[in-house]
Amino acid sequence: MLTPNYNEPLNHSLRRKIGRAISQWQMIASGDKIAVGLSGGKDSLILLHALHDLQRRSPVNFSLAAITVKLSGMDTAPLEEYCAVKGIPYTVIAQDIIGIIHARQERSPCSFCANMRRGIISSWATQNGYNKLALGHTLDDAVETFFLNLFHSGRAKSFQPKTLMTRTGVTVIRPLVLSAESAVIDEVKRLGLPVVKSSCPYAGHTERQKIREYISELRKSIPDLYAKILNALQNLSDSESWNT
């Protein structure tokens, strides 16, 4: 049964963090057509909910659509219902990425899957006139990526809050990049958003999961770890810095 909370705005604290990120990196401009990568997880659902709320009350005019790359065994019906209630155009593209990973014997399945899904959505955006692609990466994701790069490639870097994909001409934006995962989880529960269970066989058994557990331990002795990493990201070299 659909919850009436679907039509409630985000709480003020999370809305303010998202608004700050959008403003700081000038993520949205008048006339933008934004495709939201809707994986069915909590982060992408909160992102879509936030952008739809912003679309209704912002003086900046922009269009919004959601797109899901459907993996084998994934049930997109709850997402279809949600988008219908919100009046958001929704597209599903089925792709057996897991099968491709198995066939190629990929050593980094998560990275391959993320890149392939982003490529599929970016191509769809280009073909349908969308110039922005919004992804639901949080501050936690940014910190985890920082440590993954540090430990595996010896580079102090993370993904950028806003970046142009030169091959397609689509700009990737990450409005949740200043928002903590814990705040997203709380808000998903309050709003009753239809999180879809992951059908990925690698979930919980990845290098990122190991890093997540490591960070959890670090935060017990360094409570302001996220603030320190965020400060570091904003003070890197010109090419990697999060400064605007």
Protein backbone atom coordinates (compact mmCIF):
# COMPACT_ATOMS: atom_id res chain seq x y z
CA MET A 1 0.00 0.00 0.00
CA LEU A 2 1.37 3.42 -0.93
CA THR A 3 2.23 5.64 2.00
CA PRO A 4 0.98 9.23 2.14
CA ASN A 5 4.52 10.21 3.26
CA TYR A 6 5.55 10.01 -0.40
CA ASN A 7 4.31 13.57 -0.81
CA GLU A 8 6.12 15.03 2.21
CA PRO A 9 9.27 17.15 1.73
CA LEU A 10 12.60 16.14 3.22
CA ASN A 11 13.44 17.28 6.73
CA HIS A 12 15.10 20.67 6.97
CA SER A 13 18.59 19.43 7.89
CA LEU A 14 18.98 17.06 4.94
CA ARG A 15 17.34 19.52 2.54
CA ARG A 16 19.82 22.20 3.64
CA LYS A 17 22.84 19.89 3.04
CA ILE A 18 21.58 19.04 -0.45
CA GLY A 19 20.87 22.68 -1.22
CA ARG A 20 24.35 23.66 -0.06
CA ALA A 21 25.97 21.09 -2.38
CA ILE A 22 23.86 22.18 -5.35
CA SER A 23 24.75 25.82 -4.70
CA GLN A 24 28.45 25.30 -3.92
CA TRP A 25 29.14 23.38 -7.13
CA GLN A 26 26.46 25.09 -9.26
CA MET A 27 24.91 21.73 -10.10
CA ILE A 28 21.58 22.93 -11.53
CA ALA A 29 20.86 25.75 -13.96
CA SER A 30 17.69 27.02 -15.58
CA GLY A 31 16.65 24.82 -18.50
CA ASP A 32 18.53 21.74 -17.32
CA LYS A 33 17.06 18.32 -18.07
CA ILE A 34 18.16 16.00 -15.28
CA ALA A 35 18.10 12.20 -15.45
CA VAL A 36 18.30 10.57 -12.01
CA GLY A 37 19.97 7.16 -11.82
CA LEU A 38 17.40 5.26 -9.73
CA SER A 39 19.00 2.04 -8.50
CA GLY A 40 16.20 1.37 -6.01
CA GLY A 41 18.56 1.84 -3.07
CA LYS A 42 17.97 4.34 -0.27
CA ASP A 43 20.40 6.96 -1.60
CA SER A 44 18.97 7.22 -5.12
CA LEU A 45 15.41 7.31 -3.77
CA ILE A 46 16.20 10.17 -1.38
CA LEU A 47 17.96 11.99 -4.23
CA LEU A 48 14.94 11.68 -6.52
CA HIS A 49 12.58 12.73 -3.72
CA ALA A 50 14.76 15.77 -2.94
CA LEU A 51 15.09 16.90 -6.56
CA HIS A 52 11.35 16.53 -7.16
CA ASP A 53 10.67 18.64 -4.06
CA LEU A 54 13.22 21.22 -5.25
CA GLN A 55 11.68 21.27 -8.73
CA ARG A 56 8.31 22.26 -7.26
CA ARG A 57 9.53 25.13 -5.10
CA SER A 58 12.67 26.44 -6.82
CA PRO A 59 12.59 29.53 -9.07
CA VAL A 60 15.09 27.66 -11.28
CA ASN A 61 13.23 25.81 -14.02
CA PHE A 62 14.47 22.27 -14.72
CA SER A 63 13.06 18.96 -15.97
CA LEU A 64 13.35 15.67 -14.15
CA ALA A 65 13.17 11.99 -15.11
CA ALA A 66 14.23 8.73 -13.46
CA ILE A 67 15.93 5.78 -15.11
CA THR A 68 16.76 2.33 -13.76
CA VAL A 69 19.21 -0.16 -15.22
CA LYS A 70 17.41 -3.35 -14.25
CA LEU A 71 19.66 -6.20 -13.18
CA SER A 72 18.54 -9.83 -13.37
CA GLY A 73 16.05 -10.64 -10.60
CA MET A 74 15.32 -7.00 -9.76
CA ASP A 75 11.71 -5.98 -9.04
CA THR A 76 11.12 -2.45 -10.31
CA ALA A 77 7.36 -2.41 -9.63
CA PRO A 78 7.67 -0.42 -6.35
CA LEU A 79 9.79 2.18 -8.15
CA GLU A 80 7.24 2.44 -10.95
CA GLU A 81 4.49 3.03 -8.38
CA TYR A 82 6.52 5.67 -6.57
CA CYS A 83 7.32 7.58 -9.76
CA ALA A 84 3.67 7.39 -10.82
CA VAL A 85 2.56 8.93 -7.51
CA LYS A 86 5.14 11.71 -7.87
CA GLY A 87 4.40 12.27 -11.57
CA ILE A 88 8.02 11.63 -12.55
CA PRO A 89 8.71 10.13 -16.02
CA TYR A 90 10.31 6.73 -15.48
CA THR A 91 12.29 4.44 -17.78
CA VAL A 92 13.59 0.91 -17.14
CA ILE A 93 16.41 -0.60 -19.21
CA ALA A 94 17.05 -4.30 -18.60
CA GLN A 95 20.69 -5.33 -18.76
CA ASP A 96 22.27 -8.59 -17.56
CA ILE A 97 25.38 -6.95 -16.12
CA ILE A 98 25.94 -9.79 -13.65
CA GLY A 99 26.02 -12.27 -16.52
CA ILE A 100 28.58 -10.11 -18.32
CA ILE A 101 30.70 -9.92 -15.17
CA HIS A 102 30.68 -13.70 -14.86
CA ALA A 103 31.50 -14.20 -18.55
CA ARG A 104 34.41 -11.74 -18.37
CA GLN A 105 35.53 -13.01 -14.94
CA GLU A 106 35.83 -9.42 -13.84
CA ARG A 107 38.23 -8.88 -10.94
CA SER A 108 36.50 -5.65 -9.89
CA PRO A 109 32.79 -6.42 -10.38
CA CYS A 110 31.48 -3.41 -8.43
CA SER A 111 33.56 -0.91 -10.37
CA PHE A 112 32.65 -2.57 -13.67
CA CYS A 113 28.93 -2.59 -12.80
CA ALA A 114 28.94 1.06 -11.69
CA ASN A 115 30.76 2.18 -14.83
CA MET A 116 28.48 0.15 -17.11
CA ARG A 117 25.30 1.43 -15.49
CA ARG A 118 26.56 5.01 -15.64
CA GLY A 119 27.42 4.54 -19.31
CA ILE A 120 23.97 3.12 -20.11
CA ILE A 121 22.17 5.96 -18.32
CA SER A 122 24.46 8.58 -19.84
CA SER A 123 23.80 7.25 -23.35
CA TRP A 124 20.04 7.27 -22.67
CA ALA A 125 20.31 10.85 -21.38
CA THR A 126 22.14 11.96 -24.53
CA GLN A 127 19.64 10.25 -26.83
CA ASN A 128 16.70 11.84 -25.01
CA GLY A 129 18.06 15.37 -24.61
CA TYR A 130 19.05 15.26 -20.92
CA ASN A 131 22.20 17.23 -20.14
CA LYS A 132 22.64 16.27 -16.46
CA LEU A 133 22.90 12.89 -14.74
CA ALA A 134 22.24 12.91 -10.98
CA LEU A 135 23.75 10.10 -8.92
CA GLY A 136 23.05 9.31 -5.26
CA HIS A 137 26.56 9.23 -3.83
CA THR A 138 26.72 10.41 -0.22
CA LEU A 139 29.52 11.79 1.93
CA ASP A 140 30.10 8.23 3.19
CA ASP A 141 30.64 7.07 -0.39
CA ALA A 142 33.12 9.89 -0.97
CA VAL A 143 35.12 9.00 2.16
CA GLU A 144 35.10 5.29 1.26
CA THR A 145 36.31 6.08 -2.26
CA PHE A 146 39.05 8.28 -0.79
CA PHE A 147 40.37 5.38 1.30
CA LEU A 148 39.98 2.87 -1.53
CA ASN A 149 42.13 5.07 -3.77
CA LEU A 150 44.61 5.73 -0.99
CA PHE A 151 45.09 2.05 -0.11
CA HIS A 152 44.91 0.55 -3.61
CA SER A 153 46.53 3.16 -5.84
CA GLY A 154 48.39 5.41 -3.41
CA ARG A 155 46.40 8.48 -4.51
CA ALA A 156 44.53 10.85 -2.23
CA LYS A 157 41.41 11.45 -4.33
CA SER A 158 37.71 10.74 -4.58
CA PHE A 159 35.02 11.28 -7.21
CA GLN A 160 34.10 14.87 -8.03
CA PRO A 161 30.78 16.42 -6.89
CA LYS A 162 30.29 17.64 -10.48
CA THR A 163 32.07 16.43 -13.59
CA LEU A 164 31.59 16.53 -17.35
CA MET A 165 31.60 13.20 -19.21
CA THR A 166 33.39 14.31 -22.36
CA ARG A 167 32.34 11.28 -24.42
CA THR A 168 28.62 12.02 -24.10
CA GLY A 169 28.63 15.69 -23.09
CA VAL A 170 26.52 14.84 -20.03
CA THR A 171 27.45 16.42 -16.68
CA VAL A 172 27.33 14.14 -13.65
CA ILE A 173 26.12 15.79 -10.43
CA ARG A 174 26.06 14.34 -6.91
CA PRO A 175 23.75 16.50 -4.75
CA LEU A 176 24.04 14.16 -1.71
CA VAL A 177 27.82 14.54 -1.51
CA LEU A 178 27.65 16.56 1.73
CA SER A 179 24.97 14.34 3.30
CA ALA A 180 25.73 11.51 5.72
CA GLU A 181 24.39 8.02 5.06
CA SER A 182 22.86 7.90 8.55
CA ALA A 183 20.66 10.92 7.75
CA VAL A 184 19.56 9.30 4.49
CA ILE A 185 18.63 6.07 6.29
CA ASP A 186 16.55 7.93 8.89
CA GLU A 187 14.71 9.90 6.23
CA VAL A 188 13.97 6.85 4.08
CA LYS A 189 12.33 5.23 7.10
CA ARG A 190 10.33 8.35 7.98
CA LEU A 191 9.03 8.78 4.43
CA GLY A 192 8.48 5.06 3.88
CA LEU A 193 10.25 5.12 0.52
CA PRO A 194 10.13 1.83 -1.45
CA VAL A 195 13.72 0.59 -1.18
CA VAL A 196 14.22 -2.38 -3.52
CA LYS A 197 16.26 -5.30 -2.21
CA SER A 198 19.54 -5.68 -4.07
CA SER A 199 19.81 -8.63 -6.43
CA CYS A 200 23.59 -8.31 -6.63
CA PRO A 201 25.40 -11.52 -5.60
CA TYR A 202 28.46 -9.49 -4.54
CA ALA A 203 26.63 -7.31 -1.99
CA GLY A 204 28.38 -7.36 1.38
CA HIS A 205 31.49 -9.12 0.04
CA THR A 206 33.42 -6.31 -1.63
CA GLU A 207 36.53 -4.25 -0.99
CA ARG A 208 34.25 -1.27 -0.34
CA GLN A 209 32.51 -3.22 2.43
CA LYS A 210 35.89 -3.92 4.05
CA ILE A 211 36.76 -0.22 3.84
CA ARG A 212 33.36 0.66 5.30
CA GLU A 213 34.06 -1.55 8.32
CA TYR A 214 37.55 -0.08 8.68
CA ILE A 215 36.15 3.47 8.64
CA SER A 216 33.54 2.51 11.23
CA GLU A 217 36.33 1.47 13.58
CA LEU A 218 38.34 4.62 12.84
CA ARG A 219 35.40 6.86 13.70
CA LYS A 220 35.29 5.42 17.22
CA SER A 221 38.62 7.11 17.95
CA ILE A 222 38.28 9.96 15.39
CA PRO A 223 34.65 11.16 15.64
CA ASP A 224 35.23 14.05 13.21
CA LEU A 225 36.89 11.84 10.58
CA TYR A 226 34.40 12.80 7.85
CA ALA A 227 34.99 16.50 8.45
CA LYS A 228 38.74 15.96 8.22
CA ILE A 229 38.48 14.00 4.96
CA LEU A 230 36.12 16.62 3.51
CA ASN A 231 38.64 19.31 4.40
CA ALA A 232 41.41 17.26 2.77
CA LEU A 233 39.37 16.85 -0.43
CA GLN A 234 38.91 20.60 -0.62
CA ASN A 235 42.65 21.19 -0.27
CA LEU A 236 44.08 18.76 -2.83
CA SER A 237 45.86 19.74 -6.05
CA ASP A 238 43.88 21.69 -8.65
CA SER A 239 42.95 18.62 -10.70
CA GLU A 240 41.64 16.57 -7.76
CA SER A 241 40.42 19.29 -5.37
CA TRP A 242 36.78 19.72 -4.46
CA ASN A 243 37.19 23.48 -4.42
CA THR A 244 35.17 25.47 -6.97
